[in-house]
Amino acid sequence: MLRTNEDKLIKISVAGEVASPVLGRSIYDISSQGTPMVLPGVGGITYNLRVGDPACGWEADHVEPCVSLENKENDPRYGQGANTAFNVLSCIGNEATVISGNAKGKKGVVTGKHGGVDHVLVDFQPQVLEKLLLGDKVLVKAFGVGLKLLDYPEIKVMNTDPCFLKAMKPKPRNGKLEVPVAHVIPAALMGAGLGQNHAYSGDYDIQLSDENTIKKYRLENLRIGDLVGIKGADHSYGRLFREGAMSIGIIVHTNCVSAGHGPGVTTLMTSSSGKIVPMLDPKANIAHMLKLRADI
């Protein structure tokens, strides 16, 4: 059993509403090959994409699985402070409850956070999606910020509900922590999302522009909700390359066509000194770990 400070964490309410899909002023996405493309993107209720589904192969760009949420109730003194709090305080594995509309009372699970657009992503069962409408409000019981592994001070945990940490079943071995992942990815492949000074919200993207690299690391098999190890990535105070570091994240949105972009990864834990050891496990997906789908 891992010793944590779970009993010292604050559980607090945050809320968002189902966000509308959005497109830019130009409806075109320009692919890395220079091709103008018109594709669905962020936001909305996505009926046929959930955690456990492929992250690649869709006619899509940055599409978010299931339900995208944002908080629009901002205090003018703090600018976007309400949505910032919604994004930072929500953690992967948190319980989410619909509090308005025809699906009122139905529960889901936070599965990701998408930077740039600053959405919190929630998985609901298909029958719930049929009752949801754009603008419906969802309450998240935010729990996990400040979570620490008491016996592993060199490992920093973020964006992770204690229940999801337990479901991951990390194993202590020889002073390090073995964590199941579906893929191990070199930090050299990481693109859009670099340059932030923290990793407590948002994500950054795996670049899938080189076919040989995709085959080498089996990245064509990436799924939404997969846990991945990023070798040489230190997310302690932002996202950067550091020899010997290791970070664990979760795939939160689909592949993209734009240069420097790809399936997004939200951070779960990081060690600048390599105290995390990724262990390959094809079932290392939140849909399986939290039993969100019977077919995964």
Protein backbone atom coordinates (compact mmCIF):
# COMPACT_ATOMS: atom_id res chain seq x y z
CA MET A 1 0.00 0.00 0.00
CA LEU A 2 1.26 3.47 -0.90
CA ARG A 3 1.20 6.00 1.91
CA THR A 4 -0.33 9.30 0.82
CA ASN A 5 -1.67 12.47 2.42
CA GLU A 6 -5.19 11.79 1.11
CA ASP A 7 -6.68 12.54 4.53
CA LYS A 8 -5.27 16.09 4.37
CA LEU A 9 -6.68 17.01 0.96
CA ILE A 10 -9.54 19.44 0.41
CA LYS A 11 -12.61 18.26 -1.54
CA ILE A 12 -14.32 21.27 -3.10
CA SER A 13 -17.13 21.91 -5.58
CA VAL A 14 -16.39 23.29 -9.03
CA ALA A 15 -18.77 23.39 -11.96
CA GLY A 16 -18.91 23.90 -15.69
CA GLU A 17 -21.43 23.78 -18.47
CA VAL A 18 -21.45 21.65 -21.59
CA ALA A 19 -19.47 23.73 -24.09
CA SER A 20 -20.51 24.30 -27.69
CA PRO A 21 -18.21 23.13 -30.48
CA VAL A 22 -16.16 26.04 -31.82
CA LEU A 23 -14.31 26.80 -35.05
CA GLY A 24 -11.82 29.56 -35.82
CA ARG A 25 -12.44 32.57 -38.04
CA SER A 26 -11.11 30.49 -40.91
CA ILE A 27 -12.88 27.15 -40.95
CA TYR A 28 -9.78 25.52 -42.45
CA ASP A 29 -7.12 23.56 -40.58
CA ILE A 30 -3.87 23.47 -42.57
CA SER A 31 -2.28 20.04 -42.31
CA SER A 32 1.44 19.46 -41.82
CA GLN A 33 1.46 18.52 -45.52
CA GLY A 34 0.01 21.91 -46.49
CA THR A 35 -3.52 20.67 -47.22
CA PRO A 36 -6.52 22.81 -46.18
CA MET A 37 -9.02 20.63 -44.30
CA VAL A 38 -12.43 21.23 -42.70
CA LEU A 39 -12.84 18.99 -39.64
CA PRO A 40 -14.77 18.79 -36.36
CA GLY A 41 -12.70 19.98 -33.41
CA VAL A 42 -13.04 20.88 -29.74
CA GLY A 43 -16.19 21.16 -27.64
CA GLY A 44 -19.65 19.69 -27.64
CA ILE A 45 -21.13 16.30 -26.84
CA THR A 46 -19.26 13.66 -28.84
CA TYR A 47 -21.57 10.66 -29.11
CA ASN A 48 -19.21 8.14 -30.71
CA LEU A 49 -15.89 8.84 -28.98
CA ARG A 50 -15.14 7.79 -25.41
CA VAL A 51 -12.15 6.72 -23.36
CA GLY A 52 -11.02 3.36 -24.68
CA ASP A 53 -11.63 4.33 -28.32
CA PRO A 54 -8.77 4.91 -30.80
CA ALA A 55 -7.06 8.30 -30.63
CA CYS A 56 -6.02 8.12 -34.30
CA GLY A 57 -7.71 7.45 -37.62
CA TRP A 58 -10.66 9.84 -37.26
CA GLU A 59 -11.61 12.60 -39.67
CA ALA A 60 -11.09 15.02 -36.81
CA ASP A 61 -8.73 17.53 -35.24
CA HIS A 62 -8.29 17.80 -31.44
CA VAL A 63 -11.71 16.22 -30.88
CA GLU A 64 -12.50 15.76 -27.18
CA PRO A 65 -14.19 12.54 -26.03
CA CYS A 66 -17.72 12.44 -24.64
CA VAL A 67 -18.47 15.79 -22.94
CA SER A 68 -16.49 19.05 -22.91
CA LEU A 69 -17.07 21.47 -20.02
CA GLU A 70 -16.12 25.07 -19.31
CA ASN A 71 -16.99 27.58 -16.60
CA LYS A 72 -18.23 30.92 -17.93
CA GLU A 73 -19.17 32.49 -14.59
CA ASN A 74 -16.07 34.65 -14.20
CA ASP A 75 -15.58 37.42 -11.65
CA PRO A 76 -14.27 40.51 -13.49
CA ARG A 77 -11.66 40.97 -10.73
CA TYR A 78 -10.01 37.69 -11.70
CA GLY A 79 -10.57 37.55 -15.46
CA GLN A 80 -10.87 33.86 -16.34
CA GLY A 81 -10.34 32.86 -12.70
CA ALA A 82 -13.43 30.65 -12.42
CA ASN A 83 -12.51 28.54 -15.43
CA THR A 84 -8.88 28.43 -14.30
CA ALA A 85 -9.99 27.07 -10.93
CA PHE A 86 -12.29 24.60 -12.68
CA ASN A 87 -9.37 23.31 -14.74
CA VAL A 88 -6.72 23.24 -12.00
CA LEU A 89 -8.87 21.81 -9.19
CA SER A 90 -10.60 19.12 -11.27
CA CYS A 91 -8.60 15.89 -11.25
CA ILE A 92 -8.67 12.74 -13.35
CA GLY A 93 -11.05 10.29 -11.69
CA ASN A 94 -13.21 12.93 -9.95
CA GLU A 95 -16.94 12.32 -9.77
CA ALA A 96 -19.03 14.60 -12.00
CA THR A 97 -22.81 15.02 -11.58
CA VAL A 98 -25.24 16.68 -14.00
CA ILE A 99 -27.16 19.33 -12.03
CA SER A 100 -29.53 20.74 -14.66
CA GLY A 101 -31.59 19.59 -17.63
CA ASN A 102 -33.03 16.21 -18.57
CA ALA A 103 -29.95 14.29 -17.39
CA LYS A 104 -30.00 15.87 -13.91
CA GLY A 105 -28.58 13.52 -11.28
CA LYS A 106 -26.60 11.34 -13.71
CA LYS A 107 -22.95 10.79 -12.84
CA GLY A 108 -19.75 10.64 -14.86
CA VAL A 109 -15.99 10.74 -14.37
CA VAL A 110 -13.39 13.39 -15.23
CA THR A 111 -10.99 11.85 -17.78
CA GLY A 112 -8.92 14.77 -19.06
CA LYS A 113 -8.09 18.44 -19.32
CA HIS A 114 -7.41 20.14 -22.64
CA GLY A 115 -5.19 23.23 -22.73
CA GLY A 116 -5.62 26.22 -25.03
CA VAL A 117 -9.39 25.89 -25.11
CA ASP A 118 -9.25 25.09 -21.35
CA HIS A 119 -11.90 22.40 -21.22
CA VAL A 120 -12.48 19.74 -18.58
CA LEU A 121 -13.49 16.42 -20.17
CA VAL A 122 -16.01 14.04 -18.60
CA ASP A 123 -17.04 10.51 -19.57
CA PHE A 124 -20.73 9.61 -19.29
CA GLN A 125 -22.57 6.47 -20.29
CA PRO A 126 -24.14 6.61 -23.80
CA GLN A 127 -27.71 6.79 -22.49
CA VAL A 128 -26.78 9.91 -20.50
CA LEU A 129 -25.33 11.60 -23.59
CA GLU A 130 -28.71 11.29 -25.30
CA LYS A 131 -30.30 13.41 -22.54
CA LEU A 132 -27.60 16.08 -22.27
CA LEU A 133 -27.86 19.46 -24.00
CA LEU A 134 -25.32 22.18 -24.67
CA GLY A 135 -25.36 24.51 -21.67
CA ASP A 136 -26.34 21.87 -19.11
CA LYS A 137 -24.40 22.32 -15.89
CA VAL A 138 -22.16 19.68 -14.32
CA LEU A 139 -20.80 19.72 -10.76
CA VAL A 140 -17.38 18.19 -10.13
CA LYS A 141 -16.29 17.19 -6.64
CA ALA A 142 -12.70 18.35 -7.09
CA PHE A 143 -10.31 16.23 -5.05
CA GLY A 144 -6.63 15.51 -5.56
CA VAL A 145 -4.73 18.80 -5.73
CA GLY A 146 -1.87 18.54 -3.23
CA LEU A 147 -1.74 14.73 -3.31
CA LYS A 148 1.67 13.45 -2.21
CA LEU A 149 3.37 10.07 -2.05
CA LEU A 150 4.83 10.22 1.45
CA ASP A 151 7.58 7.65 0.80
CA TYR A 152 8.53 9.05 -2.62
CA PRO A 153 9.39 12.76 -2.26
CA GLU A 154 11.11 12.70 -5.67
CA ILE A 155 7.82 11.86 -7.40
CA LYS A 156 5.35 14.69 -7.90
CA VAL A 157 1.67 13.79 -8.39
CA MET A 158 -0.77 16.15 -10.11
CA ASN A 159 -4.22 16.13 -11.73
CA THR A 160 -4.97 12.79 -10.04
CA ASP A 161 -7.84 11.77 -7.76
CA PRO A 162 -6.61 9.40 -5.01
CA CYS A 163 -9.14 6.81 -6.21
CA PHE A 164 -7.55 6.82 -9.66
CA LEU A 165 -4.06 6.56 -8.16
CA LYS A 166 -5.21 3.41 -6.36
CA ALA A 167 -6.81 2.05 -9.54
CA MET A 168 -3.50 2.48 -11.38
CA LYS A 169 -1.94 0.03 -8.87
CA PRO A 170 1.59 1.43 -8.88
CA LYS A 171 4.07 -0.96 -7.25
CA PRO A 172 7.10 -0.01 -5.11
CA ARG A 173 10.29 -1.75 -6.18
CA ASN A 174 13.89 -1.01 -5.19
CA GLY A 175 13.17 2.55 -4.14
CA LYS A 176 11.25 3.34 -7.32
CA LEU A 177 7.61 3.15 -8.36
CA GLU A 178 6.49 0.90 -11.18
CA VAL A 179 3.49 2.34 -13.03
CA PRO A 180 1.48 0.54 -15.75
CA VAL A 181 1.40 2.28 -19.14
CA ALA A 182 0.14 1.31 -22.58
CA HIS A 183 3.05 3.04 -24.35
CA VAL A 184 6.44 4.57 -23.61
CA ILE A 185 7.20 7.67 -25.70
CA PRO A 186 10.42 9.69 -26.02
CA ALA A 187 10.16 13.33 -24.98
CA ALA A 188 11.52 14.31 -28.40
CA LEU A 189 8.07 13.56 -29.86
CA MET A 190 6.26 16.02 -27.60
CA GLY A 191 5.09 19.25 -29.22
CA ALA A 192 2.28 21.77 -28.73
CA GLY A 193 1.85 22.68 -25.06
CA LEU A 194 5.55 23.12 -24.29
CA GLY A 195 6.55 26.39 -22.65
CA GLN A 196 4.01 26.46 -19.82
CA ASN A 197 5.30 27.09 -16.29
CA HIS A 198 3.12 24.36 -14.74
CA ALA A 199 1.36 21.13 -15.67
CA TYR A 200 -1.59 21.37 -13.26
CA SER A 201 -4.03 21.86 -16.13
CA GLY A 202 -4.12 21.36 -19.86
CA ASP A 203 -2.05 18.95 -21.90
CA TYR A 204 0.66 18.71 -24.53
CA ASP A 205 0.68 16.82 -27.79
CA ILE A 206 2.46 13.78 -29.19
CA GLN A 207 3.69 14.63 -32.69
CA LEU A 208 2.74 11.88 -35.14
CA SER A 209 4.24 13.31 -38.31
CA ASP A 210 6.96 10.67 -38.84
CA GLU A 211 5.70 7.28 -40.04
CA ASN A 212 8.78 5.30 -38.99
CA THR A 213 8.58 6.66 -35.46
CA ILE A 214 4.87 5.85 -35.27
CA LYS A 215 5.63 2.23 -36.18
CA LYS A 216 8.63 2.01 -33.85
CA TYR A 217 6.61 3.00 -30.80
CA ARG A 218 3.26 1.46 -31.95
CA LEU A 219 1.60 4.85 -31.73
CA GLU A 220 -1.02 4.00 -34.33
CA ASN A 221 -2.63 1.99 -31.50
CA LEU A 222 -2.98 4.90 -29.07
CA ARG A 223 -6.38 5.06 -27.37
CA ILE A 224 -8.18 7.87 -25.61
CA GLY A 225 -7.60 7.24 -21.90
CA ASP A 226 -4.34 5.31 -22.32
CA LEU A 227 -1.68 5.88 -19.69
CA VAL A 228 1.66 6.70 -21.31
CA GLY A 229 5.20 7.10 -20.00
CA ILE A 230 7.20 9.98 -21.46
CA LYS A 231 10.91 9.24 -21.23
CA GLY A 232 13.10 12.29 -20.61
CA ALA A 233 10.15 14.53 -19.67
CA ASP A 234 10.17 16.51 -16.43
CA HIS A 235 6.84 18.17 -15.57
CA SER A 236 7.77 19.39 -12.09
CA TYR A 237 7.53 23.09 -13.01
CA GLY A 238 6.28 23.09 -16.56
CA ARG A 239 7.03 20.66 -19.36
CA LEU A 240 10.64 20.25 -20.42
CA PHE A 241 13.27 17.75 -21.54
CA ARG A 242 15.60 16.41 -18.84
CA GLU A 243 17.86 13.40 -19.31
CA GLY A 244 16.83 10.64 -16.89
CA ALA A 245 13.43 12.13 -16.03
CA MET A 246 10.15 10.26 -16.43
CA SER A 247 6.55 11.47 -16.53
CA ILE A 248 3.25 9.57 -16.68
CA GLY A 249 0.22 11.04 -18.44
CA ILE A 250 -3.14 10.15 -19.94
CA ILE A 251 -4.30 10.60 -23.55
CA VAL A 252 -7.15 13.13 -23.53
CA HIS A 253 -8.02 14.02 -27.16
CA THR A 254 -7.66 12.72 -30.69
CA ASN A 255 -4.87 13.16 -33.19
CA CYS A 256 -4.55 16.46 -35.09
CA VAL A 257 -3.54 17.50 -38.59
CA SER A 258 -1.58 20.68 -37.76
CA ALA A 259 2.22 20.66 -37.50
CA GLY A 260 3.48 20.11 -33.97
CA HIS A 261 0.17 18.72 -32.73
CA GLY A 262 -1.23 15.25 -32.03
CA PRO A 263 -2.99 13.26 -29.31
CA GLY A 264 -2.90 15.29 -26.09
CA VAL A 265 -1.42 14.14 -22.77
CA THR A 266 -2.47 15.43 -19.33
CA THR A 267 0.17 14.83 -16.62
CA LEU A 268 -0.50 12.42 -13.75
CA MET A 269 2.93 12.17 -12.12
CA THR A 270 6.54 13.10 -12.78
CA SER A 271 10.04 12.49 -11.45
CA SER A 272 13.01 14.58 -12.52
CA SER A 273 15.35 11.90 -11.13
CA GLY A 274 13.72 8.90 -12.80
CA LYS A 275 12.08 7.36 -9.72
CA ILE A 276 9.16 6.25 -11.93
CA VAL A 277 9.54 3.04 -13.96
CA PRO A 278 6.89 2.56 -16.70
CA MET A 279 5.71 -1.04 -17.07
CA LEU A 280 3.99 -1.92 -20.36
CA ASP A 281 0.43 -3.15 -19.91
CA PRO A 282 -2.07 -3.09 -22.81
CA LYS A 283 -4.92 -2.64 -20.30
CA ALA A 284 -3.46 0.58 -18.87
CA ASN A 285 -6.45 2.70 -19.83
CA ILE A 286 -8.82 4.61 -17.56
CA ALA A 287 -11.82 2.88 -19.14
CA HIS A 288 -10.50 -0.45 -17.87
CA MET A 289 -9.04 0.79 -14.59
CA LEU A 290 -12.25 2.53 -13.47
CA LYS A 291 -14.58 0.05 -15.21
CA LEU A 292 -16.19 2.75 -17.33
CA ARG A 293 -16.85 0.35 -20.19
CA ALA A 294 -17.66 -3.35 -20.18
CA ASP A 295 -16.04 -3.89 -23.61
CA ILE A 296 -12.55 -2.64 -22.66
